[in-house]
């Protein structure tokens, strides 16, 4: 189960990373939005690994989500205020992150 969740977390970052392979500079808002989404995904991965190794119980999911969910919302907000082709990917990744947080909190 942990491997499946880790794969889902990694796959959720793919839409935000697509603009990295296009030519041209990316705005500061892109980097801020992606950084917030990456923070949230990192928290998700750390939580899933800690639960899989029995270092934490599922009861800690709300504590991790209390930082991860606002990071996703911040990423969506920053991406929506930006301009350029990167907005859709930088909005989709944290949106998927919110769904993953909902699953992790619901598993509790």
Protein backbone atom coordinates (compact mmCIF):
# COMPACT_ATOMS: atom_id res chain seq x y z
CA UNK A 1 0.00 0.00 0.00
CA UNK A 2 2.83 2.39 0.84
CA UNK A 3 4.46 1.85 -2.55
CA UNK A 4 1.21 2.64 -4.31
CA UNK A 5 0.76 5.85 -2.34
CA UNK A 6 4.37 6.90 -2.99
CA UNK A 7 3.89 6.27 -6.70
CA UNK A 8 0.71 8.36 -6.64
CA UNK A 9 2.53 11.19 -4.83
CA UNK A 10 5.35 11.15 -7.38
CA UNK A 11 2.87 11.04 -10.28
CA UNK A 12 1.03 14.05 -8.88
CA UNK A 13 4.12 16.21 -9.48
CA UNK A 14 4.36 15.38 -13.19
CA UNK A 15 1.97 18.12 -14.42
CA UNK A 16 3.94 20.81 -12.57
CA UNK A 17 7.27 19.57 -13.92
CA UNK A 18 6.29 19.61 -17.62
CA UNK A 19 7.16 23.34 -18.09
CA UNK A 20 10.73 22.56 -17.02
CA UNK A 21 11.28 20.84 -20.36
CA UNK A 22 10.15 23.79 -22.48
CA UNK A 23 12.50 26.47 -23.68
CA UNK A 24 12.39 29.85 -22.06
CA UNK A 25 12.55 31.27 -18.58
CA UNK A 26 9.92 30.54 -15.96
CA UNK A 27 8.51 33.20 -13.69
CA UNK A 28 9.10 33.52 -9.97
CA UNK A 29 5.47 32.68 -9.31
CA UNK A 30 5.96 29.33 -11.03
CA UNK A 31 8.90 28.51 -8.79
CA UNK A 32 7.01 29.61 -5.68
CA UNK A 33 3.93 27.58 -6.64
CA UNK A 34 5.96 24.49 -7.44
CA UNK A 35 7.97 24.87 -4.24
CA UNK A 36 4.78 24.92 -2.18
CA UNK A 37 3.46 21.86 -4.03
CA UNK A 38 6.79 20.10 -3.53
CA UNK A 39 6.71 20.87 0.20
CA UNK A 40 3.27 19.29 0.42
CA UNK A 41 4.33 16.22 -1.59
CA UNK A 42 7.43 15.83 0.58
CA UNK A 43 5.30 15.86 3.71
CA UNK A 44 3.03 13.25 2.15
CA UNK A 45 5.98 11.02 1.30
CA UNK A 46 7.55 11.37 4.76
CA UNK A 47 4.23 10.55 6.40
CA UNK A 48 3.61 7.48 4.22
CA UNK A 49 7.14 6.16 4.79
CA UNK A 50 6.94 6.77 8.55
CA UNK A 51 3.62 4.94 8.80
CA UNK A 52 4.91 2.07 6.67
CA UNK A 53 7.91 1.66 8.99
CA UNK A 54 5.68 1.88 12.08
CA UNK A 55 7.45 5.03 13.27
CA UNK A 56 4.13 6.91 13.31
CA UNK A 57 0.50 5.92 13.52
CA UNK A 58 -2.22 7.09 11.16
CA UNK A 59 -3.37 9.44 13.92
CA UNK A 60 -0.59 11.85 12.97
CA UNK A 61 -2.13 12.43 9.53
CA UNK A 62 -3.99 15.54 10.67
CA UNK A 63 -0.78 17.08 12.02
CA UNK A 64 0.99 16.56 8.70
CA UNK A 65 -2.08 17.70 6.77
CA UNK A 66 -2.26 20.90 8.83
CA UNK A 67 0.91 22.00 7.01
CA UNK A 68 0.44 20.16 3.71
CA UNK A 69 -3.07 21.34 2.89
CA UNK A 70 -2.27 25.06 3.32
CA UNK A 71 0.84 24.51 1.17
CA UNK A 72 -1.37 23.07 -1.60
CA UNK A 73 -3.81 25.96 -1.31
CA UNK A 74 -0.93 28.45 -1.45
CA UNK A 75 0.44 26.71 -4.55
CA UNK A 76 -2.95 26.91 -6.28
CA UNK A 77 -3.31 30.58 -5.32
CA UNK A 78 0.17 31.46 -6.61
CA UNK A 79 -0.37 29.54 -9.84
CA UNK A 80 -3.72 31.21 -10.51
CA UNK A 81 -2.22 34.66 -10.02
CA UNK A 82 0.60 33.91 -12.46
CA UNK A 83 0.64 34.17 -16.20
CA UNK A 84 1.88 31.85 -18.92
CA UNK A 85 1.46 28.31 -20.16
CA UNK A 86 2.75 26.79 -16.92
CA UNK A 87 -0.36 27.76 -14.92
CA UNK A 88 -2.39 24.65 -15.69
CA UNK A 89 0.28 22.19 -14.55
CA UNK A 90 1.17 24.25 -11.50
CA UNK A 91 -2.52 24.28 -10.56
CA UNK A 92 -3.23 20.62 -11.30
CA UNK A 93 -0.42 19.18 -9.18
CA UNK A 94 -1.46 20.80 -5.89
CA UNK A 95 -5.09 19.99 -6.69
CA UNK A 96 -4.14 16.33 -6.87
CA UNK A 97 -2.16 16.88 -3.69
CA UNK A 98 -5.34 18.02 -1.93
CA UNK A 99 -7.05 14.79 -2.99
CA UNK A 100 -4.13 12.76 -1.67
CA UNK A 101 -4.34 14.62 1.65
CA UNK A 102 -8.05 13.84 1.79
CA UNK A 103 -7.27 10.14 1.30
CA UNK A 104 -4.54 10.15 3.95
CA UNK A 105 -6.74 11.91 6.49
CA UNK A 106 -9.68 9.63 5.69
CA UNK A 107 -7.54 6.53 6.27
CA UNK A 108 -7.18 7.67 9.86
